[in-house]
Amino acid sequence: MGDAISHAVLPGVAISFILGINFFIGAIIFGLLASTMITYIKSNSIIKSDTAIGITFSSFLALGIILIGVANSSTDLFHILAVQDMDMWITIIVSLLVLATITIFFRPLLLTSFDPILAKSMGVKVSFYHYLLMVILTLVAVTAMQSVGTILIVALLITPAATAYL
């Protein structure tokens, strides 16, 4: 929770910079807003606390980056967010590999992901497909880190699953 709040205060810092007020004021307001949102989401929905934390802090961090870009500060976001040609080709190759793997093993991956006990009783090698899924996830996470960054990877992994859970 502390890590999430430390990232979630970025919009407050950006707004403070834009308005020319003390950074501490904006950080406190957005820190409290983030912790309130996390608690509200956790208390009023079926979403678990770690999912609420991931969604909130990645959303606030993204908002902070947008506000910094709008503020025309000395932070060079285009340099930070730049993607090299080699990264693009690696992403395309890994994407094709992952899509092919999911297409070939769709049914056993679906069965082992949602009902491993049934899959095991049907003779499906549950541990093999679990490791295959972890390898795919690792490939996607490592490849995406080059183009979208660690925080957005968390958001892209958590948010669709939380939406499907609802």
N, C-alpha and C. Protein backbone atom coordinates (compact mmCIF):
# COMPACT_ATOMS: atom_id res chain seq x y z
N MET A 1 0.83 -1.20 0.00
CA MET A 1 0.00 0.00 0.00
C MET A 1 0.87 1.26 0.00
N GLY A 2 1.95 1.22 0.76
CA GLY A 2 2.86 2.36 0.80
C GLY A 2 3.49 2.64 -0.56
N ASP A 3 3.88 1.60 -1.27
CA ASP A 3 4.45 1.75 -2.61
C ASP A 3 3.42 2.35 -3.55
N ALA A 4 2.19 1.87 -3.45
CA ALA A 4 1.12 2.38 -4.30
C ALA A 4 0.88 3.86 -4.05
N ILE A 5 0.84 4.24 -2.79
CA ILE A 5 0.58 5.65 -2.45
C ILE A 5 1.74 6.52 -2.92
N SER A 6 2.97 6.01 -2.81
CA SER A 6 4.11 6.81 -3.25
C SER A 6 4.06 7.08 -4.75
N HIS A 7 3.51 6.15 -5.53
CA HIS A 7 3.35 6.38 -6.97
C HIS A 7 2.11 7.22 -7.26
N ALA A 8 1.09 7.08 -6.43
CA ALA A 8 -0.19 7.75 -6.68
C ALA A 8 -0.15 9.25 -6.42
N VAL A 9 0.87 9.75 -5.74
CA VAL A 9 0.94 11.18 -5.44
C VAL A 9 1.46 12.00 -6.62
N LEU A 10 1.92 11.35 -7.68
CA LEU A 10 2.49 12.07 -8.81
C LEU A 10 1.53 13.10 -9.42
N PRO A 11 0.24 12.80 -9.60
CA PRO A 11 -0.65 13.85 -10.13
C PRO A 11 -0.72 15.08 -9.21
N GLY A 12 -0.69 14.85 -7.91
CA GLY A 12 -0.70 15.97 -6.98
C GLY A 12 0.53 16.84 -7.10
N VAL A 13 1.67 16.19 -7.29
CA VAL A 13 2.92 16.93 -7.48
C VAL A 13 2.85 17.73 -8.79
N ALA A 14 2.32 17.10 -9.84
CA ALA A 14 2.22 17.79 -11.13
C ALA A 14 1.27 18.98 -11.05
N ILE A 15 0.11 18.80 -10.40
CA ILE A 15 -0.84 19.90 -10.27
C ILE A 15 -0.25 21.02 -9.41
N SER A 16 0.47 20.65 -8.36
CA SER A 16 1.14 21.66 -7.53
C SER A 16 2.14 22.45 -8.35
N PHE A 17 2.87 21.76 -9.22
CA PHE A 17 3.84 22.42 -10.08
C PHE A 17 3.13 23.39 -11.02
N ILE A 18 2.01 22.94 -11.62
CA ILE A 18 1.25 23.77 -12.56
C ILE A 18 0.71 25.02 -11.85
N LEU A 19 0.18 24.83 -10.64
CA LEU A 19 -0.42 25.93 -9.89
C LEU A 19 0.59 26.78 -9.13
N GLY A 20 1.83 26.29 -9.04
CA GLY A 20 2.87 27.03 -8.35
C GLY A 20 2.74 27.01 -6.83
N ILE A 21 2.18 25.93 -6.30
CA ILE A 21 2.03 25.81 -4.84
C ILE A 21 2.99 24.74 -4.34
N ASN A 22 3.06 24.59 -3.04
CA ASN A 22 3.94 23.61 -2.41
C ASN A 22 3.57 22.19 -2.86
N PHE A 23 4.57 21.41 -3.26
CA PHE A 23 4.36 20.04 -3.73
C PHE A 23 3.72 19.17 -2.66
N PHE A 24 4.03 19.47 -1.42
CA PHE A 24 3.53 18.67 -0.30
C PHE A 24 1.99 18.69 -0.25
N ILE A 25 1.39 19.82 -0.55
CA ILE A 25 -0.07 19.95 -0.51
C ILE A 25 -0.72 19.04 -1.54
N GLY A 26 -0.25 19.11 -2.76
CA GLY A 26 -0.81 18.26 -3.82
C GLY A 26 -0.57 16.79 -3.55
N ALA A 27 0.62 16.46 -3.03
CA ALA A 27 0.94 15.06 -2.73
C ALA A 27 0.04 14.52 -1.63
N ILE A 28 -0.19 15.31 -0.61
CA ILE A 28 -1.07 14.88 0.50
C ILE A 28 -2.49 14.65 -0.02
N ILE A 29 -3.00 15.59 -0.81
CA ILE A 29 -4.37 15.46 -1.33
C ILE A 29 -4.52 14.20 -2.17
N PHE A 30 -3.60 13.97 -3.11
CA PHE A 30 -3.73 12.80 -3.97
C PHE A 30 -3.38 11.50 -3.25
N GLY A 31 -2.51 11.57 -2.25
CA GLY A 31 -2.25 10.38 -1.43
C GLY A 31 -3.48 9.95 -0.67
N LEU A 32 -4.15 10.93 -0.06
CA LEU A 32 -5.39 10.63 0.66
C LEU A 32 -6.49 10.17 -0.29
N LEU A 33 -6.56 10.79 -1.46
CA LEU A 33 -7.56 10.39 -2.46
C LEU A 33 -7.32 8.95 -2.92
N ALA A 34 -6.06 8.60 -3.14
CA ALA A 34 -5.72 7.24 -3.56
C ALA A 34 -6.07 6.23 -2.48
N SER A 35 -5.70 6.51 -1.24
CA SER A 35 -5.99 5.55 -0.17
C SER A 35 -7.49 5.43 0.05
N THR A 36 -8.22 6.53 -0.10
CA THR A 36 -9.68 6.49 0.03
C THR A 36 -10.29 5.66 -1.10
N MET A 37 -9.81 5.88 -2.33
CA MET A 37 -10.33 5.11 -3.47
C MET A 37 -10.07 3.62 -3.30
N ILE A 38 -8.87 3.28 -2.87
CA ILE A 38 -8.52 1.87 -2.68
C ILE A 38 -9.43 1.24 -1.64
N THR A 39 -9.63 1.93 -0.54
CA THR A 39 -10.50 1.42 0.52
C THR A 39 -11.94 1.31 0.05
N TYR A 40 -12.40 2.30 -0.70
CA TYR A 40 -13.77 2.29 -1.21
C TYR A 40 -13.98 1.13 -2.18
N ILE A 41 -13.05 0.95 -3.11
CA ILE A 41 -13.17 -0.14 -4.08
C ILE A 41 -13.16 -1.48 -3.36
N LYS A 42 -12.26 -1.63 -2.40
CA LYS A 42 -12.15 -2.88 -1.65
C LYS A 42 -13.42 -3.15 -0.85
N SER A 43 -14.00 -2.14 -0.27
CA SER A 43 -15.17 -2.31 0.60
C SER A 43 -16.48 -2.46 -0.16
N ASN A 44 -16.59 -1.86 -1.32
CA ASN A 44 -17.87 -1.82 -2.03
C ASN A 44 -17.92 -2.63 -3.30
N SER A 45 -16.98 -3.53 -3.50
CA SER A 45 -17.04 -4.41 -4.66
C SER A 45 -16.42 -5.75 -4.30
N ILE A 46 -16.47 -6.66 -5.24
CA ILE A 46 -15.89 -7.98 -4.98
C ILE A 46 -14.40 -8.03 -5.35
N ILE A 47 -13.87 -6.90 -5.79
CA ILE A 47 -12.46 -6.82 -6.13
C ILE A 47 -11.63 -6.88 -4.85
N LYS A 48 -10.57 -7.67 -4.89
CA LYS A 48 -9.69 -7.83 -3.72
C LYS A 48 -8.78 -6.62 -3.57
N SER A 49 -8.20 -6.48 -2.39
CA SER A 49 -7.41 -5.28 -2.07
C SER A 49 -6.18 -5.12 -2.97
N ASP A 50 -5.48 -6.21 -3.27
CA ASP A 50 -4.29 -6.07 -4.11
C ASP A 50 -4.64 -5.62 -5.52
N THR A 51 -5.79 -6.05 -6.01
CA THR A 51 -6.25 -5.62 -7.33
C THR A 51 -6.64 -4.14 -7.29
N ALA A 52 -7.33 -3.72 -6.26
CA ALA A 52 -7.71 -2.31 -6.11
C ALA A 52 -6.47 -1.43 -6.03
N ILE A 53 -5.46 -1.89 -5.31
CA ILE A 53 -4.21 -1.13 -5.20
C ILE A 53 -3.55 -1.01 -6.57
N GLY A 54 -3.47 -2.10 -7.31
CA GLY A 54 -2.82 -2.08 -8.62
C GLY A 54 -3.52 -1.16 -9.60
N ILE A 55 -4.84 -1.22 -9.63
CA ILE A 55 -5.61 -0.37 -10.54
C ILE A 55 -5.45 1.10 -10.17
N THR A 56 -5.59 1.41 -8.89
CA THR A 56 -5.55 2.81 -8.45
C THR A 56 -4.18 3.42 -8.67
N PHE A 57 -3.12 2.74 -8.23
CA PHE A 57 -1.82 3.38 -8.32
C PHE A 57 -1.34 3.51 -9.76
N SER A 58 -1.66 2.54 -10.61
CA SER A 58 -1.24 2.67 -12.01
C SER A 58 -2.05 3.75 -12.72
N SER A 59 -3.32 3.91 -12.37
CA SER A 59 -4.15 4.97 -12.96
C SER A 59 -3.65 6.35 -12.53
N PHE A 60 -3.35 6.51 -11.24
CA PHE A 60 -2.87 7.79 -10.75
C PHE A 60 -1.49 8.11 -11.32
N LEU A 61 -0.64 7.11 -11.45
CA LEU A 61 0.68 7.35 -12.02
C LEU A 61 0.55 7.80 -13.47
N ALA A 62 -0.34 7.15 -14.22
CA ALA A 62 -0.57 7.54 -15.62
C ALA A 62 -1.09 8.97 -15.70
N LEU A 63 -2.03 9.32 -14.82
CA LEU A 63 -2.55 10.69 -14.79
C LEU A 63 -1.43 11.68 -14.48
N GLY A 64 -0.55 11.32 -13.56
CA GLY A 64 0.59 12.18 -13.23
C GLY A 64 1.51 12.40 -14.42
N ILE A 65 1.77 11.36 -15.17
CA ILE A 65 2.64 11.48 -16.35
C ILE A 65 1.98 12.38 -17.40
N ILE A 66 0.66 12.21 -17.58
CA ILE A 66 -0.06 13.06 -18.53
C ILE A 66 0.01 14.52 -18.09
N LEU A 67 -0.20 14.77 -16.80
CA LEU A 67 -0.15 16.14 -16.30
C LEU A 67 1.24 16.74 -16.42
N ILE A 68 2.28 15.95 -16.22
CA ILE A 68 3.64 16.44 -16.39
C ILE A 68 3.88 16.82 -17.85
N GLY A 69 3.36 15.99 -18.75
CA GLY A 69 3.48 16.31 -20.18
C GLY A 69 2.76 17.59 -20.55
N VAL A 70 1.58 17.80 -19.97
CA VAL A 70 0.80 19.01 -20.23
C VAL A 70 1.49 20.24 -19.65
N ALA A 71 2.16 20.05 -18.52
CA ALA A 71 2.82 21.18 -17.83
C ALA A 71 4.06 21.68 -18.56
N ASN A 72 4.50 20.96 -19.59
CA ASN A 72 5.71 21.34 -20.32
C ASN A 72 6.89 21.54 -19.38
N SER A 73 7.07 20.59 -18.48
CA SER A 73 8.18 20.70 -17.53
C SER A 73 9.47 20.27 -18.20
N SER A 74 10.54 20.30 -17.43
CA SER A 74 11.83 19.93 -17.98
C SER A 74 11.97 18.42 -18.13
N THR A 75 10.99 17.65 -17.67
CA THR A 75 11.04 16.20 -17.81
C THR A 75 10.79 15.84 -19.27
N ASP A 76 11.73 15.16 -19.88
CA ASP A 76 11.61 14.78 -21.28
C ASP A 76 10.93 13.41 -21.38
N LEU A 77 9.60 13.42 -21.41
CA LEU A 77 8.86 12.16 -21.45
C LEU A 77 9.02 11.44 -22.77
N PHE A 78 9.20 12.18 -23.86
CA PHE A 78 9.34 11.51 -25.15
C PHE A 78 10.62 10.68 -25.21
N HIS A 79 11.66 11.15 -24.54
CA HIS A 79 12.89 10.36 -24.47
C HIS A 79 12.68 9.11 -23.61
N ILE A 80 11.94 9.27 -22.51
CA ILE A 80 11.68 8.14 -21.61
C ILE A 80 10.80 7.11 -22.29
N LEU A 81 9.81 7.59 -23.06
CA LEU A 81 8.83 6.69 -23.66
C LEU A 81 9.22 6.19 -25.05
N ALA A 82 10.38 6.58 -25.55
CA ALA A 82 10.78 6.19 -26.90
C ALA A 82 10.98 4.68 -27.01
N VAL A 83 10.59 4.15 -28.17
CA VAL A 83 10.74 2.72 -28.45
C VAL A 83 11.68 2.58 -29.64
N GLN A 84 12.71 1.78 -29.47
CA GLN A 84 13.68 1.55 -30.55
C GLN A 84 13.10 0.57 -31.58
N ASP A 85 13.65 0.59 -32.80
CA ASP A 85 13.18 -0.32 -33.85
C ASP A 85 13.37 -1.78 -33.46
N MET A 86 14.48 -2.09 -32.82
CA MET A 86 14.76 -3.46 -32.40
C MET A 86 13.72 -3.94 -31.39
N ASP A 87 13.33 -3.06 -30.46
CA ASP A 87 12.29 -3.41 -29.49
C ASP A 87 10.97 -3.72 -30.19
N MET A 88 10.66 -2.95 -31.23
CA MET A 88 9.42 -3.18 -31.97
C MET A 88 9.45 -4.56 -32.63
N TRP A 89 10.56 -4.93 -33.24
CA TRP A 89 10.64 -6.22 -33.92
C TRP A 89 10.59 -7.38 -32.92
N ILE A 90 11.25 -7.21 -31.80
CA ILE A 90 11.20 -8.24 -30.75
C ILE A 90 9.77 -8.40 -30.26
N THR A 91 9.06 -7.29 -30.08
CA THR A 91 7.67 -7.33 -29.64
C THR A 91 6.79 -8.06 -30.66
N ILE A 92 7.00 -7.78 -31.94
CA ILE A 92 6.21 -8.43 -32.99
C ILE A 92 6.49 -9.93 -33.00
N ILE A 93 7.74 -10.33 -32.92
CA ILE A 93 8.10 -11.76 -32.94
C ILE A 93 7.52 -12.48 -31.72
N VAL A 94 7.69 -11.90 -30.54
CA VAL A 94 7.15 -12.52 -29.32
C VAL A 94 5.63 -12.57 -29.39
N SER A 95 4.99 -11.53 -29.91
CA SER A 95 3.53 -11.52 -30.04
C SER A 95 3.05 -12.66 -30.94
N LEU A 96 3.72 -12.85 -32.05
CA LEU A 96 3.35 -13.94 -32.96
C LEU A 96 3.56 -15.31 -32.31
N LEU A 97 4.67 -15.45 -31.59
CA LEU A 97 4.95 -16.69 -30.88
C LEU A 97 3.89 -16.98 -29.82
N VAL A 98 3.54 -15.96 -29.04
CA VAL A 98 2.53 -16.12 -27.99
C VAL A 98 1.16 -16.44 -28.60
N LEU A 99 0.79 -15.71 -29.64
CA LEU A 99 -0.50 -15.98 -30.29
C LEU A 99 -0.56 -17.39 -30.87
N ALA A 100 0.52 -17.84 -31.48
CA ALA A 100 0.56 -19.20 -32.02
C ALA A 100 0.45 -20.23 -30.90
N THR A 101 1.15 -20.03 -29.81
CA THR A 101 1.10 -20.95 -28.68
C THR A 101 -0.30 -21.01 -28.08
N ILE A 102 -0.91 -19.85 -27.90
CA ILE A 102 -2.27 -19.82 -27.34
C ILE A 102 -3.26 -20.46 -28.29
N THR A 103 -3.10 -20.24 -29.59
CA THR A 103 -4.00 -20.85 -30.57
C THR A 103 -3.87 -22.37 -30.56
N ILE A 104 -2.66 -22.87 -30.51
CA ILE A 104 -2.42 -24.32 -30.53
C ILE A 104 -2.92 -24.98 -29.25
N PHE A 105 -2.65 -24.37 -28.11
CA PHE A 105 -2.98 -24.98 -26.82
C PHE A 105 -4.17 -24.32 -26.12
N PHE A 106 -5.08 -23.72 -26.88
CA PHE A 106 -6.16 -22.95 -26.28
C PHE A 106 -7.02 -23.77 -25.31
N ARG A 107 -7.53 -24.91 -25.75
CA ARG A 107 -8.43 -25.69 -24.90
C ARG A 107 -7.77 -26.19 -23.61
N PRO A 108 -6.59 -26.80 -23.69
CA PRO A 108 -5.99 -27.23 -22.42
C PRO A 108 -5.59 -26.05 -21.51
N LEU A 109 -5.16 -24.93 -22.10
CA LEU A 109 -4.84 -23.76 -21.28
C LEU A 109 -6.10 -23.22 -20.60
N LEU A 110 -7.20 -23.19 -21.32
CA LEU A 110 -8.46 -22.73 -20.75
C LEU A 110 -8.91 -23.64 -19.62
N LEU A 111 -8.86 -24.94 -19.86
CA LEU A 111 -9.31 -25.92 -18.86
C LEU A 111 -8.42 -25.89 -17.62
N THR A 112 -7.12 -25.88 -17.80
CA THR A 112 -6.22 -25.89 -16.64
C THR A 112 -6.22 -24.57 -15.88
N SER A 113 -6.54 -23.46 -16.56
CA SER A 113 -6.58 -22.16 -15.89
C SER A 113 -7.82 -22.01 -15.02
N PHE A 114 -8.95 -22.52 -15.49
CA PHE A 114 -10.20 -22.31 -14.77
C PHE A 114 -10.62 -23.48 -13.89
N ASP A 115 -10.21 -24.69 -14.23
CA ASP A 115 -10.59 -25.84 -13.40
C ASP A 115 -9.49 -26.91 -13.44
N PRO A 116 -8.39 -26.68 -12.70
CA PRO A 116 -7.27 -27.62 -12.75
C PRO A 116 -7.62 -29.00 -12.21
N ILE A 117 -8.57 -29.08 -11.28
CA ILE A 117 -8.96 -30.39 -10.73
C ILE A 117 -9.65 -31.22 -11.80
N LEU A 118 -10.57 -30.60 -12.53
CA LEU A 118 -11.24 -31.31 -13.62
C LEU A 118 -10.23 -31.71 -14.69
N ALA A 119 -9.31 -30.79 -15.02
CA ALA A 119 -8.29 -31.09 -16.03
C ALA A 119 -7.44 -32.28 -15.61
N LYS A 120 -7.05 -32.31 -14.35
CA LYS A 120 -6.23 -33.41 -13.85
C LYS A 120 -7.00 -34.73 -13.91
N SER A 121 -8.30 -34.68 -13.56
CA SER A 121 -9.11 -35.90 -13.61
C SER A 121 -9.32 -36.38 -15.04
N MET A 122 -9.20 -35.48 -16.01
CA MET A 122 -9.33 -35.85 -17.42
C MET A 122 -8.00 -36.31 -18.02
N GLY A 123 -6.94 -36.29 -17.24
CA GLY A 123 -5.64 -36.75 -17.71
C GLY A 123 -4.78 -35.67 -18.35
N VAL A 124 -5.19 -34.42 -18.23
CA VAL A 124 -4.42 -33.31 -18.80
C VAL A 124 -3.24 -33.03 -17.88
N LYS A 125 -2.08 -32.76 -18.46
CA LYS A 125 -0.87 -32.46 -17.69
C LYS A 125 -0.95 -31.02 -17.18
N VAL A 126 -1.56 -30.84 -16.03
CA VAL A 126 -1.82 -29.52 -15.48
C VAL A 126 -0.53 -28.75 -15.23
N SER A 127 0.46 -29.38 -14.66
CA SER A 127 1.71 -28.67 -14.35
C SER A 127 2.42 -28.20 -15.62
N PHE A 128 2.37 -29.00 -16.69
CA PHE A 128 2.98 -28.59 -17.95
C PHE A 128 2.34 -27.31 -18.47
N TYR A 129 1.01 -27.27 -18.48
CA TYR A 129 0.30 -26.09 -18.99
C TYR A 129 0.44 -24.89 -18.06
N HIS A 130 0.57 -25.15 -16.78
CA HIS A 130 0.82 -24.05 -15.84
C HIS A 130 2.18 -23.42 -16.14
N TYR A 131 3.21 -24.25 -16.33
CA TYR A 131 4.53 -23.71 -16.65
C TYR A 131 4.54 -23.04 -18.02
N LEU A 132 3.80 -23.59 -18.96
CA LEU A 132 3.70 -22.96 -20.28
C LEU A 132 3.08 -21.57 -20.17
N LEU A 133 2.03 -21.47 -19.38
CA LEU A 133 1.39 -20.17 -19.18
C LEU A 133 2.33 -19.19 -18.49
N MET A 134 3.11 -19.66 -17.53
CA MET A 134 4.07 -18.78 -16.84
C MET A 134 5.18 -18.33 -17.79
N VAL A 135 5.62 -19.21 -18.69
CA VAL A 135 6.63 -18.84 -19.68
C VAL A 135 6.07 -17.77 -20.62
N ILE A 136 4.83 -17.96 -21.07
CA ILE A 136 4.18 -16.97 -21.95
C ILE A 136 4.06 -15.63 -21.23
N LEU A 137 3.61 -15.67 -19.99
CA LEU A 137 3.46 -14.45 -19.20
C LEU A 137 4.80 -13.74 -19.03
N THR A 138 5.85 -14.50 -18.76
CA THR A 138 7.18 -13.91 -18.60
C THR A 138 7.66 -13.28 -19.90
N LEU A 139 7.46 -13.97 -21.02
CA LEU A 139 7.85 -13.42 -22.32
C LEU A 139 7.14 -12.11 -22.59
N VAL A 140 5.85 -12.09 -22.34
CA VAL A 140 5.06 -10.88 -22.58
C VAL A 140 5.52 -9.74 -21.65
N ALA A 141 5.72 -10.04 -20.37
CA ALA A 141 6.10 -9.01 -19.42
C ALA A 141 7.47 -8.42 -19.74
N VAL A 142 8.43 -9.28 -20.05
CA VAL A 142 9.79 -8.81 -20.34
C VAL A 142 9.81 -8.02 -21.65
N THR A 143 9.08 -8.50 -22.64
CA THR A 143 9.04 -7.79 -23.92
C THR A 143 8.33 -6.46 -23.78
N ALA A 144 7.20 -6.45 -23.07
CA ALA A 144 6.43 -5.21 -22.91
C ALA A 144 7.17 -4.19 -22.08
N MET A 145 8.05 -4.63 -21.20
CA MET A 145 8.80 -3.70 -20.36
C MET A 145 9.60 -2.73 -21.21
N GLN A 146 10.08 -3.18 -22.35
CA GLN A 146 10.86 -2.31 -23.23
C GLN A 146 10.01 -1.19 -23.84
N SER A 147 8.74 -1.49 -24.12
CA SER A 147 7.94 -0.50 -24.82
C SER A 147 6.95 0.25 -23.94
N VAL A 148 6.40 -0.38 -22.89
CA VAL A 148 5.39 0.30 -22.09
C VAL A 148 5.81 0.56 -20.66
N GLY A 149 6.82 -0.11 -20.17
CA GLY A 149 7.29 0.12 -18.81
C GLY A 149 6.62 -0.79 -17.79
N THR A 150 7.24 -0.87 -16.64
CA THR A 150 6.81 -1.79 -15.58
C THR A 150 5.43 -1.46 -15.05
N ILE A 151 5.15 -0.20 -14.83
CA ILE A 151 3.87 0.19 -14.22
C ILE A 151 2.72 -0.14 -15.15
N LEU A 152 2.85 0.14 -16.43
CA LEU A 152 1.76 -0.15 -17.36
C LEU A 152 1.58 -1.65 -17.53
N ILE A 153 2.64 -2.43 -17.40
CA ILE A 153 2.50 -3.89 -17.46
C ILE A 153 1.59 -4.35 -16.33
N VAL A 154 1.81 -3.81 -15.14
CA VAL A 154 0.96 -4.16 -14.00
C VAL A 154 -0.49 -3.80 -14.30
N ALA A 155 -0.71 -2.61 -14.83
CA ALA A 155 -2.08 -2.17 -15.16
C ALA A 155 -2.71 -3.06 -16.22
N LEU A 156 -1.94 -3.43 -17.23
CA LEU A 156 -2.47 -4.25 -18.32
C LEU A 156 -2.72 -5.69 -17.88
N LEU A 157 -2.03 -6.15 -16.87
CA LEU A 157 -2.28 -7.50 -16.37
C LEU A 157 -3.43 -7.54 -15.37
N ILE A 158 -3.53 -6.51 -14.53
CA ILE A 158 -4.53 -6.52 -13.46
C ILE A 158 -5.91 -6.09 -13.94
N THR A 159 -5.99 -5.01 -14.70
CA THR A 159 -7.29 -4.42 -15.03
C THR A 159 -8.20 -5.33 -15.85
N PRO A 160 -7.74 -5.99 -16.91
CA PRO A 160 -8.66 -6.91 -17.62
C PRO A 160 -9.13 -8.08 -16.76
N ALA A 161 -8.25 -8.61 -15.93
CA ALA A 161 -8.64 -9.71 -15.06
C ALA A 161 -9.66 -9.24 -14.03
N ALA A 162 -9.47 -8.04 -13.49
CA ALA A 162 -10.43 -7.51 -12.52
C ALA A 162 -11.78 -7.26 -13.18
N THR A 163 -11.76 -6.77 -14.41
CA THR A 163 -13.01 -6.54 -15.14
C THR A 163 -13.72 -7.86 -15.42
N ALA A 164 -12.98 -8.86 -15.83
CA ALA A 164 -13.58 -10.18 -16.09
C ALA A 164 -14.13 -10.79 -14.81
N TYR A 165 -13.44 -10.56 -13.70
CA TYR A 165 -13.88 -11.09 -12.40
C TYR A 165 -15.23 -10.51 -12.00
N LEU A 166 -15.44 -9.23 -12.36
CA LEU A 166 -16.72 -8.59 -12.04
C LEU A 166 -17.85 -9.21 -12.86
